[in-house]
Amino acid sequence: MTLEDLSEASGITWSYIAQVEVGRRNVGVDNMHVLAQGLGLTLRDLL
């Protein structure tokens, strides 16, 4: 899955996801939940 795919599935910008991926930004629980849903996972499974 590309950043663009995850961005489309989650509604979070690809640039934010990229910054989280490389450790430049911290991600809050709410956004983790949204990203997990975009990946087809529960938050528990993502963590």
PDB file of N, CA and C in Angstrom:
ATOM      1  N   MET A   1       0.851  -1.164   0.000  1.00  0.00           N
ATOM      2  CA  MET A   1       0.000   0.000   0.000  1.00  0.00           C
ATOM      3  C   MET A   1       0.903   1.236   0.000  1.00  0.00           C
ATOM      4  N   THR A   2       0.593   2.173  -0.856  1.00  0.00           N
ATOM      5  CA  THR A   2       1.370   3.407  -0.909  1.00  0.00           C
ATOM      6  C   THR A   2       0.839   4.410   0.111  1.00  0.00           C
ATOM      7  N   LEU A   3       1.613   5.445   0.351  1.00  0.00           N
ATOM      8  CA  LEU A   3       1.148   6.518   1.236  1.00  0.00           C
ATOM      9  C   LEU A   3      -0.120   7.146   0.676  1.00  0.00           C
ATOM     10  N   GLU A   4      -0.178   7.278  -0.634  1.00  0.00           N
ATOM     11  CA  GLU A   4      -1.360   7.850  -1.264  1.00  0.00           C
ATOM     12  C   GLU A   4      -2.584   6.965  -1.059  1.00  0.00           C
ATOM     13  N   ASP A   5      -2.399   5.650  -1.155  1.00  0.00           N
ATOM     14  CA  ASP A   5      -3.501   4.714  -0.919  1.00  0.00           C
ATOM     15  C   ASP A   5      -4.016   4.825   0.516  1.00  0.00           C
ATOM     16  N   LEU A   6      -3.086   4.846   1.470  1.00  0.00           N
ATOM     17  CA  LEU A   6      -3.477   4.953   2.874  1.00  0.00           C
ATOM     18  C   LEU A   6      -4.127   6.306   3.145  1.00  0.00           C
ATOM     19  N   SER A   7      -3.616   7.336   2.526  1.00  0.00           N
ATOM     20  CA  SER A   7      -4.203   8.662   2.676  1.00  0.00           C
ATOM     21  C   SER A   7      -5.646   8.680   2.193  1.00  0.00           C
ATOM     22  N   GLU A   8      -5.884   8.085   1.053  1.00  0.00           N
ATOM     23  CA  GLU A   8      -7.243   8.023   0.501  1.00  0.00           C
ATOM     24  C   GLU A   8      -8.158   7.184   1.391  1.00  0.00           C
ATOM     25  N   ALA A   9      -7.652   6.075   1.911  1.00  0.00           N
ATOM     26  CA  ALA A   9      -8.471   5.175   2.728  1.00  0.00           C
ATOM     27  C   ALA A   9      -8.764   5.755   4.112  1.00  0.00           C
ATOM     28  N   SER A  10      -7.853   6.595   4.607  1.00  0.00           N
ATOM     29  CA  SER A  10      -8.010   7.098   5.970  1.00  0.00           C
ATOM     30  C   SER A  10      -8.481   8.543   6.040  1.00  0.00           C
ATOM     31  N   GLY A  11      -8.272   9.298   4.969  1.00  0.00           N
ATOM     32  CA  GLY A  11      -8.622  10.715   4.992  1.00  0.00           C
ATOM     33  C   GLY A  11      -7.566  11.584   5.645  1.00  0.00           C
ATOM     34  N   ILE A  12      -6.400  11.026   5.906  1.00  0.00           N
ATOM     35  CA  ILE A  12      -5.276  11.765   6.475  1.00  0.00           C
ATOM     36  C   ILE A  12      -4.296  12.043   5.335  1.00  0.00           C
ATOM     37  N   THR A  13      -3.725  13.236   5.312  1.00  0.00           N
ATOM     38  CA  THR A  13      -2.842  13.594   4.207  1.00  0.00           C
ATOM     39  C   THR A  13      -1.625  12.689   4.147  1.00  0.00           C
ATOM     40  N   TRP A  14      -1.163  12.439   2.939  1.00  0.00           N
ATOM     41  CA  TRP A  14      -0.007  11.556   2.763  1.00  0.00           C
ATOM     42  C   TRP A  14       1.239  12.176   3.374  1.00  0.00           C
ATOM     43  N   SER A  15       1.335  13.505   3.378  1.00  0.00           N
ATOM     44  CA  SER A  15       2.524  14.149   3.941  1.00  0.00           C
ATOM     45  C   SER A  15       2.585  13.949   5.459  1.00  0.00           C
ATOM     46  N   TYR A  16       1.431  13.994   6.131  1.00  0.00           N
ATOM     47  CA  TYR A  16       1.387  13.736   7.574  1.00  0.00           C
ATOM     48  C   TYR A  16       1.808  12.290   7.849  1.00  0.00           C
ATOM     49  N   ILE A  17       1.278  11.356   7.076  1.00  0.00           N
ATOM     50  CA  ILE A  17       1.619   9.937   7.255  1.00  0.00           C
ATOM     51  C   ILE A  17       3.117   9.732   7.043  1.00  0.00           C
ATOM     52  N   ALA A  18       3.683  10.377   6.036  1.00  0.00           N
ATOM     53  CA  ALA A  18       5.119  10.251   5.759  1.00  0.00           C
ATOM     54  C   ALA A  18       5.948  10.787   6.920  1.00  0.00           C
ATOM     55  N   GLN A  19       5.522  11.902   7.508  1.00  0.00           N
ATOM     56  CA  GLN A  19       6.253  12.470   8.633  1.00  0.00           C
ATOM     57  C   GLN A  19       6.178  11.564   9.855  1.00  0.00           C
ATOM     58  N   VAL A  20       5.040  10.930  10.073  1.00  0.00           N
ATOM     59  CA  VAL A  20       4.906   9.970  11.174  1.00  0.00           C
ATOM     60  C   VAL A  20       5.824   8.777  10.914  1.00  0.00           C
ATOM     61  N   GLU A  21       5.844   8.322   9.680  1.00  0.00           N
ATOM     62  CA  GLU A  21       6.631   7.146   9.314  1.00  0.00           C
ATOM     63  C   GLU A  21       8.120   7.336   9.597  1.00  0.00           C
ATOM     64  N   VAL A  22       8.639   8.529   9.358  1.00  0.00           N
ATOM     65  CA  VAL A  22      10.070   8.768   9.566  1.00  0.00           C
ATOM     66  C   VAL A  22      10.383   9.361  10.937  1.00  0.00           C
ATOM     67  N   GLY A  23       9.362   9.528  11.784  1.00  0.00           N
ATOM     68  CA  GLY A  23       9.577   9.984  13.137  1.00  0.00           C
ATOM     69  C   GLY A  23       9.653  11.483  13.318  1.00  0.00           C
ATOM     70  N   ARG A  24       9.236  12.243  12.333  1.00  0.00           N
ATOM     71  CA  ARG A  24       9.255  13.708  12.453  1.00  0.00           C
ATOM     72  C   ARG A  24       8.034  14.251  13.182  1.00  0.00           C
ATOM     73  N   ARG A  25       6.968  13.463  13.222  1.00  0.00           N
ATOM     74  CA  ARG A  25       5.743  13.863  13.922  1.00  0.00           C
ATOM     75  C   ARG A  25       5.293  12.725  14.798  1.00  0.00           C
ATOM     76  N   ASN A  26       4.682  13.074  15.893  1.00  0.00           N
ATOM     77  CA  ASN A  26       4.043  12.075  16.746  1.00  0.00           C
ATOM     78  C   ASN A  26       2.597  11.933  16.301  1.00  0.00           C
ATOM     79  N   VAL A  27       2.073  10.757  16.477  1.00  0.00           N
ATOM     80  CA  VAL A  27       0.692  10.504  16.076  1.00  0.00           C
ATOM     81  C   VAL A  27      -0.145  10.275  17.328  1.00  0.00           C
ATOM     82  N   GLY A  28      -1.298  10.930  17.374  1.00  0.00           N
ATOM     83  CA  GLY A  28      -2.206  10.769  18.502  1.00  0.00           C
ATOM     84  C   GLY A  28      -3.049   9.516  18.355  1.00  0.00           C
ATOM     85  N   VAL A  29      -3.684   9.145  19.424  1.00  0.00           N
ATOM     86  CA  VAL A  29      -4.498   7.929  19.441  1.00  0.00           C
ATOM     87  C   VAL A  29      -5.634   8.027  18.416  1.00  0.00           C
ATOM     88  N   ASP A  30      -6.251   9.192  18.308  1.00  0.00           N
ATOM     89  CA  ASP A  30      -7.353   9.351  17.342  1.00  0.00           C
ATOM     90  C   ASP A  30      -6.874   9.075  15.926  1.00  0.00           C
ATOM     91  N   ASN A  31      -5.721   9.639  15.558  1.00  0.00           N
ATOM     92  CA  ASN A  31      -5.191   9.405  14.215  1.00  0.00           C
ATOM     93  C   ASN A  31      -4.705   7.974  14.042  1.00  0.00           C
ATOM     94  N   MET A  32      -4.174   7.363  15.105  1.00  0.00           N
ATOM     95  CA  MET A  32      -3.784   5.954  15.014  1.00  0.00           C
ATOM     96  C   MET A  32      -5.002   5.095  14.703  1.00  0.00           C
ATOM     97  N   HIS A  33      -6.112   5.421  15.344  1.00  0.00           N
ATOM     98  CA  HIS A  33      -7.349   4.679  15.110  1.00  0.00           C
ATOM     99  C   HIS A  33      -7.799   4.823  13.651  1.00  0.00           C
ATOM    100  N   VAL A  34      -7.751   6.029  13.128  1.00  0.00           N
ATOM    101  CA  VAL A  34      -8.153   6.280  11.743  1.00  0.00           C
ATOM    102  C   VAL A  34      -7.206   5.562  10.775  1.00  0.00           C
ATOM    103  N   LEU A  35      -5.920   5.601  11.049  1.00  0.00           N
ATOM    104  CA  LEU A  35      -4.955   4.900  10.195  1.00  0.00           C
ATOM    105  C   LEU A  35      -5.167   3.393  10.238  1.00  0.00           C
ATOM    106  N   ALA A  36      -5.444   2.862  11.413  1.00  0.00           N
ATOM    107  CA  ALA A  36      -5.721   1.428  11.541  1.00  0.00           C
ATOM    108  C   ALA A  36      -6.926   1.049  10.692  1.00  0.00           C
ATOM    109  N   GLN A  37      -7.985   1.860  10.762  1.00  0.00           N
ATOM    110  CA  GLN A  37      -9.167   1.586   9.942  1.00  0.00           C
ATOM    111  C   GLN A  37      -8.819   1.627   8.452  1.00  0.00           C
ATOM    112  N   GLY A  38      -7.992   2.590   8.060  1.00  0.00           N
ATOM    113  CA  GLY A  38      -7.568   2.682   6.667  1.00  0.00           C
ATOM    114  C   GLY A  38      -6.794   1.463   6.208  1.00  0.00           C
ATOM    115  N   LEU A  39      -6.112   0.826   7.149  1.00  0.00           N
ATOM    116  CA  LEU A  39      -5.344  -0.393   6.847  1.00  0.00           C
ATOM    117  C   LEU A  39      -6.193  -1.660   6.987  1.00  0.00           C
ATOM    118  N   GLY A  40      -7.435  -1.487   7.436  1.00  0.00           N
ATOM    119  CA  GLY A  40      -8.316  -2.647   7.638  1.00  0.00           C
ATOM    120  C   GLY A  40      -8.005  -3.391   8.918  1.00  0.00           C
ATOM    121  N   LEU A  41      -7.452  -2.685   9.914  1.00  0.00           N
ATOM    122  CA  LEU A  41      -7.082  -3.291  11.186  1.00  0.00           C
ATOM    123  C   LEU A  41      -7.847  -2.632  12.321  1.00  0.00           C
ATOM    124  N   THR A  42      -7.841  -3.289  13.458  1.00  0.00           N
ATOM    125  CA  THR A  42      -8.314  -2.623  14.668  1.00  0.00           C
ATOM    126  C   THR A  42      -7.108  -1.871  15.234  1.00  0.00           C
ATOM    127  N   LEU A  43      -7.395  -0.905  16.108  1.00  0.00           N
ATOM    128  CA  LEU A  43      -6.306  -0.185  16.752  1.00  0.00           C
ATOM    129  C   LEU A  43      -5.454  -1.156  17.564  1.00  0.00           C
ATOM    130  N   ARG A  44      -6.101  -2.088  18.211  1.00  0.00           N
ATOM    131  CA  ARG A  44      -5.366  -3.095  18.997  1.00  0.00           C
ATOM    132  C   ARG A  44      -4.387  -3.879  18.126  1.00  0.00           C
ATOM    133  N   ASP A  45      -4.830  -4.296  16.948  1.00  0.00           N
ATOM    134  CA  ASP A  45      -3.943  -5.047  16.054  1.00  0.00           C
ATOM    135  C   ASP A  45      -2.795  -4.175  15.539  1.00  0.00           C
ATOM    136  N   LEU A  46      -3.081  -2.916  15.286  1.00  0.00           N
ATOM    137  CA  LEU A  46      -2.033  -2.003  14.818  1.00  0.00           C
ATOM    138  C   LEU A  46      -0.960  -1.835  15.884  1.00  0.00           C
ATOM    139  N   LEU A  47      -1.401  -1.689  17.128  1.00  0.00           N
ATOM    140  CA  LEU A  47      -0.445  -1.522  18.220  1.00  0.00           C
ATOM    141  C   LEU A  47       0.258  -2.824  18.526  1.00  0.00           C
TER     142      LEU A  47
END
